[in-house]
Amino acid sequence: MRTISLPDPDLLRELPERGALLLLLAALDVADSTLRVQHPRLDLEPAPPAHSLPPTELLAELLLARFAELETLVTRYNDAVNDAVGLEEPRLDF
């Protein structure tokens, strides 16, 4: 599991959504790790055919894909905000 650091308090006052988005990224990371532990077959290469997966594993696979999409969107949002306000703040990758 990755560790996170909170943004500078001055940055949080200026851009309060950063705190909530950072917590969202942390929650996605925990959910991703939990699903991978619960359904280790999803990490196999090559992946099992979708029709052979039980419904819980198929849904877990779909969730993992959406988690990755949401993480990308949050990162792109933060980058866009940085550009809009002229910040050189590092990305919120953790």
PDB file of N, CA and C in Angstrom:
ATOM      1  N   MET A   1       0.848  -1.173   0.000  1.00  0.00           N
ATOM      2  CA  MET A   1       0.000   0.000   0.000  1.00  0.00           C
ATOM      3  C   MET A   1       0.892   1.234   0.000  1.00  0.00           C
ATOM      4  N   ARG A   2       0.451   2.247  -0.686  1.00  0.00           N
ATOM      5  CA  ARG A   2       1.220   3.486  -0.781  1.00  0.00           C
ATOM      6  C   ARG A   2       0.916   4.404   0.398  1.00  0.00           C
ATOM      7  N   THR A   3       1.836   5.301   0.672  1.00  0.00           N
ATOM      8  CA  THR A   3       1.598   6.304   1.701  1.00  0.00           C
ATOM      9  C   THR A   3       1.300   7.635   1.020  1.00  0.00           C
ATOM     10  N   ILE A   4       0.572   8.483   1.724  1.00  0.00           N
ATOM     11  CA  ILE A   4       0.238   9.792   1.170  1.00  0.00           C
ATOM     12  C   ILE A   4       0.682  10.876   2.135  1.00  0.00           C
ATOM     13  N   SER A   5       0.942  12.035   1.591  1.00  0.00           N
ATOM     14  CA  SER A   5       1.252  13.215   2.388  1.00  0.00           C
ATOM     15  C   SER A   5       0.225  14.283   2.063  1.00  0.00           C
ATOM     16  N   LEU A   6      -0.279  14.935   3.094  1.00  0.00           N
ATOM     17  CA  LEU A   6      -1.250  16.003   2.865  1.00  0.00           C
ATOM     18  C   LEU A   6      -0.568  17.195   2.213  1.00  0.00           C
ATOM     19  N   PRO A   7      -1.307  17.892   1.332  1.00  0.00           N
ATOM     20  CA  PRO A   7      -0.757  19.110   0.743  1.00  0.00           C
ATOM     21  C   PRO A   7      -0.528  20.175   1.812  1.00  0.00           C
ATOM     22  N   ASP A   8       0.279  21.129   1.481  1.00  0.00           N
ATOM     23  CA  ASP A   8       0.559  22.265   2.345  1.00  0.00           C
ATOM     24  C   ASP A   8      -0.757  22.930   2.775  1.00  0.00           C
ATOM     25  N   PRO A   9      -0.895  23.316   4.059  1.00  0.00           N
ATOM     26  CA  PRO A   9      -2.138  23.952   4.529  1.00  0.00           C
ATOM     27  C   PRO A   9      -2.524  25.200   3.725  1.00  0.00           C
ATOM     28  N   ASP A  10      -1.546  25.987   3.282  1.00  0.00           N
ATOM     29  CA  ASP A  10      -1.870  27.162   2.465  1.00  0.00           C
ATOM     30  C   ASP A  10      -2.516  26.746   1.145  1.00  0.00           C
ATOM     31  N   LEU A  11      -2.026  25.666   0.575  1.00  0.00           N
ATOM     32  CA  LEU A  11      -2.609  25.166  -0.669  1.00  0.00           C
ATOM     33  C   LEU A  11      -4.023  24.661  -0.422  1.00  0.00           C
ATOM     34  N   LEU A  12      -4.239  23.992   0.703  1.00  0.00           N
ATOM     35  CA  LEU A  12      -5.588  23.505   1.021  1.00  0.00           C
ATOM     36  C   LEU A  12      -6.571  24.654   1.237  1.00  0.00           C
ATOM     37  N   ARG A  13      -6.095  25.769   1.792  1.00  0.00           N
ATOM     38  CA  ARG A  13      -6.989  26.927   1.947  1.00  0.00           C
ATOM     39  C   ARG A  13      -7.367  27.500   0.586  1.00  0.00           C
ATOM     40  N   GLU A  14      -6.397  27.525  -0.328  1.00  0.00           N
ATOM     41  CA  GLU A  14      -6.655  28.065  -1.664  1.00  0.00           C
ATOM     42  C   GLU A  14      -7.454  27.096  -2.533  1.00  0.00           C
ATOM     43  N   LEU A  15      -7.160  25.813  -2.406  1.00  0.00           N
ATOM     44  CA  LEU A  15      -7.799  24.781  -3.225  1.00  0.00           C
ATOM     45  C   LEU A  15      -8.298  23.656  -2.315  1.00  0.00           C
ATOM     46  N   PRO A  16      -9.389  23.886  -1.585  1.00  0.00           N
ATOM     47  CA  PRO A  16      -9.828  22.904  -0.586  1.00  0.00           C
ATOM     48  C   PRO A  16     -10.204  21.550  -1.164  1.00  0.00           C
ATOM     49  N   GLU A  17     -10.546  21.497  -2.429  1.00  0.00           N
ATOM     50  CA  GLU A  17     -10.905  20.208  -3.029  1.00  0.00           C
ATOM     51  C   GLU A  17      -9.724  19.242  -3.039  1.00  0.00           C
ATOM     52  N   ARG A  18      -8.499  19.782  -2.935  1.00  0.00           N
ATOM     53  CA  ARG A  18      -7.322  18.920  -2.942  1.00  0.00           C
ATOM     54  C   ARG A  18      -7.367  17.891  -1.814  1.00  0.00           C
ATOM     55  N   GLY A  19      -7.808  18.301  -0.641  1.00  0.00           N
ATOM     56  CA  GLY A  19      -7.881  17.371   0.482  1.00  0.00           C
ATOM     57  C   GLY A  19      -8.860  16.240   0.212  1.00  0.00           C
ATOM     58  N   ALA A  20     -10.046  16.595  -0.282  1.00  0.00           N
ATOM     59  CA  ALA A  20     -11.057  15.578  -0.576  1.00  0.00           C
ATOM     60  C   ALA A  20     -10.588  14.647  -1.688  1.00  0.00           C
ATOM     61  N   LEU A  21      -9.950  15.213  -2.713  1.00  0.00           N
ATOM     62  CA  LEU A  21      -9.471  14.373  -3.815  1.00  0.00           C
ATOM     63  C   LEU A  21      -8.335  13.462  -3.364  1.00  0.00           C
ATOM     64  N   LEU A  22      -7.509  13.941  -2.472  1.00  0.00           N
ATOM     65  CA  LEU A  22      -6.437  13.101  -1.942  1.00  0.00           C
ATOM     66  C   LEU A  22      -7.018  11.931  -1.146  1.00  0.00           C
ATOM     67  N   LEU A  23      -8.054  12.209  -0.351  1.00  0.00           N
ATOM     68  CA  LEU A  23      -8.715  11.128   0.386  1.00  0.00           C
ATOM     69  C   LEU A  23      -9.377  10.140  -0.564  1.00  0.00           C
ATOM     70  N   LEU A  24      -9.959  10.644  -1.641  1.00  0.00           N
ATOM     71  CA  LEU A  24     -10.559   9.763  -2.643  1.00  0.00           C
ATOM     72  C   LEU A  24      -9.500   8.845  -3.239  1.00  0.00           C
ATOM     73  N   LEU A  25      -8.325   9.398  -3.583  1.00  0.00           N
ATOM     74  CA  LEU A  25      -7.257   8.566  -4.139  1.00  0.00           C
ATOM     75  C   LEU A  25      -6.813   7.502  -3.136  1.00  0.00           C
ATOM     76  N   ALA A  26      -6.735   7.870  -1.871  1.00  0.00           N
ATOM     77  CA  ALA A  26      -6.354   6.895  -0.844  1.00  0.00           C
ATOM     78  C   ALA A  26      -7.416   5.800  -0.719  1.00  0.00           C
ATOM     79  N   ALA A  27      -8.694   6.193  -0.745  1.00  0.00           N
ATOM     80  CA  ALA A  27      -9.778   5.214  -0.659  1.00  0.00           C
ATOM     81  C   ALA A  27      -9.762   4.281  -1.867  1.00  0.00           C
ATOM     82  N   LEU A  28      -9.501   4.824  -3.053  1.00  0.00           N
ATOM     83  CA  LEU A  28      -9.413   3.986  -4.249  1.00  0.00           C
ATOM     84  C   LEU A  28      -8.269   2.992  -4.125  1.00  0.00           C
ATOM     85  N   ASP A  29      -7.153   3.430  -3.566  1.00  0.00           N
ATOM     86  CA  ASP A  29      -6.009   2.548  -3.395  1.00  0.00           C
ATOM     87  C   ASP A  29      -6.345   1.400  -2.438  1.00  0.00           C
ATOM     88  N   VAL A  30      -7.021   1.705  -1.337  1.00  0.00           N
ATOM     89  CA  VAL A  30      -7.408   0.665  -0.379  1.00  0.00           C
ATOM     90  C   VAL A  30      -8.400  -0.300  -1.029  1.00  0.00           C
ATOM     91  N   ALA A  31      -9.391   0.225  -1.723  1.00  0.00           N
ATOM     92  CA  ALA A  31     -10.386  -0.632  -2.369  1.00  0.00           C
ATOM     93  C   ALA A  31      -9.736  -1.509  -3.433  1.00  0.00           C
ATOM     94  N   ASP A  32      -8.820  -0.944  -4.216  1.00  0.00           N
ATOM     95  CA  ASP A  32      -8.108  -1.697  -5.246  1.00  0.00           C
ATOM     96  C   ASP A  32      -7.324  -2.847  -4.616  1.00  0.00           C
ATOM     97  N   SER A  33      -6.559  -2.549  -3.577  1.00  0.00           N
ATOM     98  CA  SER A  33      -5.760  -3.580  -2.909  1.00  0.00           C
ATOM     99  C   SER A  33      -6.641  -4.675  -2.320  1.00  0.00           C
ATOM    100  N   THR A  34      -7.741  -4.282  -1.711  1.00  0.00           N
ATOM    101  CA  THR A  34      -8.649  -5.245  -1.090  1.00  0.00           C
ATOM    102  C   THR A  34      -9.250  -6.183  -2.122  1.00  0.00           C
ATOM    103  N   LEU A  35      -9.697  -5.630  -3.251  1.00  0.00           N
ATOM    104  CA  LEU A  35     -10.276  -6.475  -4.295  1.00  0.00           C
ATOM    105  C   LEU A  35      -9.236  -7.417  -4.895  1.00  0.00           C
ATOM    106  N   ARG A  36      -8.020  -6.954  -5.053  1.00  0.00           N
ATOM    107  CA  ARG A  36      -6.970  -7.816  -5.609  1.00  0.00           C
ATOM    108  C   ARG A  36      -6.608  -8.957  -4.655  1.00  0.00           C
ATOM    109  N   VAL A  37      -6.648  -8.693  -3.355  1.00  0.00           N
ATOM    110  CA  VAL A  37      -6.396  -9.759  -2.377  1.00  0.00           C
ATOM    111  C   VAL A  37      -7.555 -10.753  -2.392  1.00  0.00           C
ATOM    112  N   GLN A  38      -8.763 -10.247  -2.467  1.00  0.00           N
ATOM    113  CA  GLN A  38      -9.952 -11.101  -2.440  1.00  0.00           C
ATOM    114  C   GLN A  38     -10.083 -11.926  -3.723  1.00  0.00           C
ATOM    115  N   HIS A  39      -9.619 -11.389  -4.850  1.00  0.00           N
ATOM    116  CA  HIS A  39      -9.764 -12.051  -6.153  1.00  0.00           C
ATOM    117  C   HIS A  39      -8.416 -12.095  -6.870  1.00  0.00           C
ATOM    118  N   PRO A  40      -7.482 -12.924  -6.401  1.00  0.00           N
ATOM    119  CA  PRO A  40      -6.134 -12.928  -6.975  1.00  0.00           C
ATOM    120  C   PRO A  40      -6.082 -13.377  -8.431  1.00  0.00           C
ATOM    121  N   ARG A  41      -7.079 -14.098  -8.896  1.00  0.00           N
ATOM    122  CA  ARG A  41      -7.073 -14.520 -10.305  1.00  0.00           C
ATOM    123  C   ARG A  41      -7.111 -13.327 -11.258  1.00  0.00           C
ATOM    124  N   LEU A  42      -7.592 -12.183 -10.782  1.00  0.00           N
ATOM    125  CA  LEU A  42      -7.698 -11.015 -11.654  1.00  0.00           C
ATOM    126  C   LEU A  42      -6.332 -10.476 -12.050  1.00  0.00           C
ATOM    127  N   ASP A  43      -5.293 -10.809 -11.317  1.00  0.00           N
ATOM    128  CA  ASP A  43      -3.952 -10.340 -11.642  1.00  0.00           C
ATOM    129  C   ASP A  43      -3.172 -11.323 -12.511  1.00  0.00           C
ATOM    130  N   LEU A  44      -3.797 -12.426 -12.888  1.00  0.00           N
ATOM    131  CA  LEU A  44      -3.111 -13.416 -13.710  1.00  0.00           C
ATOM    132  C   LEU A  44      -2.958 -12.927 -15.141  1.00  0.00           C
ATOM    133  N   GLU A  45      -1.850 -13.298 -15.740  1.00  0.00           N
ATOM    134  CA  GLU A  45      -1.622 -13.006 -17.162  1.00  0.00           C
ATOM    135  C   GLU A  45      -1.504 -14.321 -17.891  1.00  0.00           C
ATOM    136  N   PRO A  46      -2.226 -14.591 -18.929  1.00  0.00           N
ATOM    137  CA  PRO A  46      -3.340 -13.777 -19.424  1.00  0.00           C
ATOM    138  C   PRO A  46      -4.550 -13.895 -18.499  1.00  0.00           C
ATOM    139  N   ALA A  47      -5.370 -12.870 -18.550  1.00  0.00           N
ATOM    140  CA  ALA A  47      -6.565 -12.833 -17.700  1.00  0.00           C
ATOM    141  C   ALA A  47      -7.526 -13.944 -18.112  1.00  0.00           C
ATOM    142  N   PRO A  48      -8.235 -14.502 -17.139  1.00  0.00           N
ATOM    143  CA  PRO A  48      -9.237 -15.515 -17.481  1.00  0.00           C
ATOM    144  C   PRO A  48     -10.328 -14.909 -18.367  1.00  0.00           C
ATOM    145  N   PRO A  49     -10.912 -15.687 -19.251  1.00  0.00           N
ATOM    146  CA  PRO A  49     -12.017 -15.156 -20.073  1.00  0.00           C
ATOM    147  C   PRO A  49     -13.169 -14.680 -19.181  1.00  0.00           C
ATOM    148  N   ALA A  50     -13.775 -13.563 -19.564  1.00  0.00           N
ATOM    149  CA  ALA A  50     -14.840 -12.969 -18.740  1.00  0.00           C
ATOM    150  C   ALA A  50     -15.977 -13.949 -18.498  1.00  0.00           C
ATOM    151  N   HIS A  51     -16.293 -14.785 -19.498  1.00  0.00           N
ATOM    152  CA  HIS A  51     -17.425 -15.707 -19.329  1.00  0.00           C
ATOM    153  C   HIS A  51     -17.131 -16.811 -18.311  1.00  0.00           C
ATOM    154  N   SER A  52     -15.848 -17.007 -17.959  1.00  0.00           N
ATOM    155  CA  SER A  52     -15.515 -18.038 -16.983  1.00  0.00           C
ATOM    156  C   SER A  52     -15.439 -17.507 -15.547  1.00  0.00           C
ATOM    157  N   LEU A  53     -15.581 -16.204 -15.384  1.00  0.00           N
ATOM    158  CA  LEU A  53     -15.487 -15.602 -14.054  1.00  0.00           C
ATOM    159  C   LEU A  53     -16.830 -15.631 -13.338  1.00  0.00           C
ATOM    160  N   PRO A  54     -16.827 -15.892 -12.033  1.00  0.00           N
ATOM    161  CA  PRO A  54     -18.080 -15.744 -11.277  1.00  0.00           C
ATOM    162  C   PRO A  54     -18.470 -14.266 -11.244  1.00  0.00           C
ATOM    163  N   PRO A  55     -19.739 -13.982 -11.007  1.00  0.00           N
ATOM    164  CA  PRO A  55     -20.196 -12.583 -11.027  1.00  0.00           C
ATOM    165  C   PRO A  55     -19.392 -11.660 -10.107  1.00  0.00           C
ATOM    166  N   THR A  56     -19.005 -12.145  -8.940  1.00  0.00           N
ATOM    167  CA  THR A  56     -18.249 -11.275  -8.034  1.00  0.00           C
ATOM    168  C   THR A  56     -16.897 -10.886  -8.627  1.00  0.00           C
ATOM    169  N   GLU A  57     -16.226 -11.820  -9.300  1.00  0.00           N
ATOM    170  CA  GLU A  57     -14.934 -11.502  -9.905  1.00  0.00           C
ATOM    171  C   GLU A  57     -15.102 -10.606 -11.125  1.00  0.00           C
ATOM    172  N   LEU A  58     -16.141 -10.828 -11.890  1.00  0.00           N
ATOM    173  CA  LEU A  58     -16.397  -9.965 -13.042  1.00  0.00           C
ATOM    174  C   LEU A  58     -16.664  -8.534 -12.584  1.00  0.00           C
ATOM    175  N   LEU A  59     -17.477  -8.384 -11.541  1.00  0.00           N
ATOM    176  CA  LEU A  59     -17.754  -7.052 -11.017  1.00  0.00           C
ATOM    177  C   LEU A  59     -16.511  -6.427 -10.396  1.00  0.00           C
ATOM    178  N   ALA A  60     -15.696  -7.229  -9.728  1.00  0.00           N
ATOM    179  CA  ALA A  60     -14.443  -6.712  -9.173  1.00  0.00           C
ATOM    180  C   ALA A  60     -13.534  -6.215 -10.295  1.00  0.00           C
ATOM    181  N   GLU A  61     -13.477  -6.958 -11.385  1.00  0.00           N
ATOM    182  CA  GLU A  61     -12.655  -6.538 -12.529  1.00  0.00           C
ATOM    183  C   GLU A  61     -13.150  -5.203 -13.098  1.00  0.00           C
ATOM    184  N   LEU A  62     -14.461  -5.058 -13.197  1.00  0.00           N
ATOM    185  CA  LEU A  62     -15.034  -3.795 -13.675  1.00  0.00           C
ATOM    186  C   LEU A  62     -14.731  -2.652 -12.707  1.00  0.00           C
ATOM    187  N   LEU A  63     -14.834  -2.910 -11.421  1.00  0.00           N
ATOM    188  CA  LEU A  63     -14.513  -1.883 -10.418  1.00  0.00           C
ATOM    189  C   LEU A  63     -13.053  -1.453 -10.525  1.00  0.00           C
ATOM    190  N   LEU A  64     -12.150  -2.407 -10.661  1.00  0.00           N
ATOM    191  CA  LEU A  64     -10.732  -2.073 -10.766  1.00  0.00           C
ATOM    192  C   LEU A  64     -10.473  -1.170 -11.966  1.00  0.00           C
ATOM    193  N   ALA A  65     -11.137  -1.451 -13.065  1.00  0.00           N
ATOM    194  CA  ALA A  65     -10.969  -0.608 -14.249  1.00  0.00           C
ATOM    195  C   ALA A  65     -11.494   0.804 -13.988  1.00  0.00           C
ATOM    196  N   ARG A  66     -12.625   0.917 -13.307  1.00  0.00           N
ATOM    197  CA  ARG A  66     -13.186   2.238 -13.011  1.00  0.00           C
ATOM    198  C   ARG A  66     -12.324   2.989 -11.997  1.00  0.00           C
ATOM    199  N   PHE A  67     -11.739   2.273 -11.038  1.00  0.00           N
ATOM    200  CA  PHE A  67     -10.836   2.916 -10.082  1.00  0.00           C
ATOM    201  C   PHE A  67      -9.668   3.556 -10.826  1.00  0.00           C
ATOM    202  N   ALA A  68      -9.109   2.822 -11.788  1.00  0.00           N
ATOM    203  CA  ALA A  68      -7.970   3.346 -12.554  1.00  0.00           C
ATOM    204  C   ALA A  68      -8.388   4.572 -13.367  1.00  0.00           C
ATOM    205  N   GLU A  69      -9.575   4.521 -13.954  1.00  0.00           N
ATOM    206  CA  GLU A  69     -10.076   5.670 -14.720  1.00  0.00           C
ATOM    207  C   GLU A  69     -10.264   6.877 -13.808  1.00  0.00           C
ATOM    208  N   LEU A  70     -10.849   6.662 -12.647  1.00  0.00           N
ATOM    209  CA  LEU A  70     -11.105   7.767 -11.724  1.00  0.00           C
ATOM    210  C   LEU A  70      -9.795   8.367 -11.216  1.00  0.00           C
ATOM    211  N   GLU A  71      -8.807   7.527 -10.946  1.00  0.00           N
ATOM    212  CA  GLU A  71      -7.507   8.035 -10.510  1.00  0.00           C
ATOM    213  C   GLU A  71      -6.880   8.913 -11.594  1.00  0.00           C
ATOM    214  N   THR A  72      -7.007   8.492 -12.844  1.00  0.00           N
ATOM    215  CA  THR A  72      -6.496   9.290 -13.960  1.00  0.00           C
ATOM    216  C   THR A  72      -7.229  10.623 -14.055  1.00  0.00           C
ATOM    217  N   LEU A  73      -8.548  10.598 -13.904  1.00  0.00           N
ATOM    218  CA  LEU A  73      -9.329  11.838 -13.968  1.00  0.00           C
ATOM    219  C   LEU A  73      -8.960  12.799 -12.843  1.00  0.00           C
ATOM    220  N   VAL A  74      -8.762  12.288 -11.641  1.00  0.00           N
ATOM    221  CA  VAL A  74      -8.383  13.144 -10.516  1.00  0.00           C
ATOM    222  C   VAL A  74      -7.021  13.785 -10.783  1.00  0.00           C
ATOM    223  N   THR A  75      -6.082  12.996 -11.279  1.00  0.00           N
ATOM    224  CA  THR A  75      -4.756  13.531 -11.590  1.00  0.00           C
ATOM    225  C   THR A  75      -4.845  14.598 -12.667  1.00  0.00           C
ATOM    226  N   ARG A  76      -5.631  14.352 -13.700  1.00  0.00           N
ATOM    227  CA  ARG A  76      -5.784  15.347 -14.775  1.00  0.00           C
ATOM    228  C   ARG A  76      -6.463  16.611 -14.263  1.00  0.00           C
ATOM    229  N   TYR A  77      -7.458  16.456 -13.379  1.00  0.00           N
ATOM    230  CA  TYR A  77      -8.118  17.621 -12.788  1.00  0.00           C
ATOM    231  C   TYR A  77      -7.112  18.454 -12.008  1.00  0.00           C
ATOM    232  N   ASN A  78      -6.323  17.795 -11.159  1.00  0.00           N
ATOM    233  CA  ASN A  78      -5.330  18.521 -10.364  1.00  0.00           C
ATOM    234  C   ASN A  78      -4.310  19.219 -11.251  1.00  0.00           C
ATOM    235  N   ASP A  79      -3.892  18.575 -12.300  1.00  0.00           N
ATOM    236  CA  ASP A  79      -2.957  19.207 -13.245  1.00  0.00           C
ATOM    237  C   ASP A  79      -3.600  20.428 -13.911  1.00  0.00           C
ATOM    238  N   ALA A  80      -4.878  20.313 -14.286  1.00  0.00           N
ATOM    239  CA  ALA A  80      -5.577  21.430 -14.921  1.00  0.00           C
ATOM    240  C   ALA A  80      -5.731  22.605 -13.954  1.00  0.00           C
ATOM    241  N   VAL A  81      -6.037  22.305 -12.692  1.00  0.00           N
ATOM    242  CA  VAL A  81      -6.144  23.369 -11.685  1.00  0.00           C
ATOM    243  C   VAL A  81      -4.788  24.037 -11.504  1.00  0.00           C
ATOM    244  N   ASN A  82      -3.733  23.244 -11.432  1.00  0.00           N
ATOM    245  CA  ASN A  82      -2.386  23.817 -11.308  1.00  0.00           C
ATOM    246  C   ASN A  82      -2.113  24.788 -12.454  1.00  0.00           C
ATOM    247  N   ASP A  83      -2.447  24.385 -13.670  1.00  0.00           N
ATOM    248  CA  ASP A  83      -2.247  25.255 -14.831  1.00  0.00           C
ATOM    249  C   ASP A  83      -3.104  26.514 -14.734  1.00  0.00           C
ATOM    250  N   ALA A  84      -4.361  26.351 -14.294  1.00  0.00           N
ATOM    251  CA  ALA A  84      -5.284  27.483 -14.238  1.00  0.00           C
ATOM    252  C   ALA A  84      -4.851  28.540 -13.230  1.00  0.00           C
ATOM    253  N   VAL A  85      -4.287  28.114 -12.112  1.00  0.00           N
ATOM    254  CA  VAL A  85      -3.895  29.082 -11.089  1.00  0.00           C
ATOM    255  C   VAL A  85      -2.386  29.344 -11.074  1.00  0.00           C
ATOM    256  N   GLY A  86      -1.680  28.746 -12.014  1.00  0.00           N
ATOM    257  CA  GLY A  86      -0.249  28.998 -12.141  1.00  0.00           C
ATOM    258  C   GLY A  86       0.603  28.363 -11.070  1.00  0.00           C
ATOM    259  N   LEU A  87       0.170  27.217 -10.569  1.00  0.00           N
ATOM    260  CA  LEU A  87       0.943  26.521  -9.535  1.00  0.00           C
ATOM    261  C   LEU A  87       1.963  25.589 -10.161  1.00  0.00           C
ATOM    262  N   GLU A  88       3.075  25.475  -9.520  1.00  0.00           N
ATOM    263  CA  GLU A  88       4.097  24.515  -9.918  1.00  0.00           C
ATOM    264  C   GLU A  88       4.058  23.334  -8.948  1.00  0.00           C
ATOM    265  N   GLU A  89       2.923  23.157  -8.282  1.00  0.00           N
ATOM    266  CA  GLU A  89       2.760  22.101  -7.275  1.00  0.00           C
ATOM    267  C   GLU A  89       2.933  20.733  -7.921  1.00  0.00           C
ATOM    268  N   PRO A  90       3.665  19.840  -7.257  1.00  0.00           N
ATOM    269  CA  PRO A  90       3.811  18.483  -7.797  1.00  0.00           C
ATOM    270  C   PRO A  90       2.452  17.792  -7.870  1.00  0.00           C
ATOM    271  N   ARG A  91       2.387  16.846  -8.757  1.00  0.00           N
ATOM    272  CA  ARG A  91       1.150  16.072  -8.900  1.00  0.00           C
ATOM    273  C   ARG A  91       0.864  15.331  -7.616  1.00  0.00           C
ATOM    274  N   LEU A  92      -0.420  14.945  -7.437  1.00  0.00           N
ATOM    275  CA  LEU A  92      -0.823  14.247  -6.221  1.00  0.00           C
ATOM    276  C   LEU A  92      -0.648  12.745  -6.337  1.00  0.00           C
ATOM    277  N   ASP A  93       0.321  12.315  -7.119  1.00  0.00           N
ATOM    278  CA  ASP A  93       0.613  10.887  -7.159  1.00  0.00           C
ATOM    279  C   ASP A  93       1.170  10.490  -5.808  1.00  0.00           C
ATOM    280  N   PHE A  94       0.893   9.271  -5.389  1.00  0.00           N
ATOM    281  CA  PHE A  94       1.435   8.809  -4.120  1.00  0.00           C
ATOM    282  C   PHE A  94       1.980   7.434  -4.259  1.00  0.00           C
TER     283      PHE A  94
END
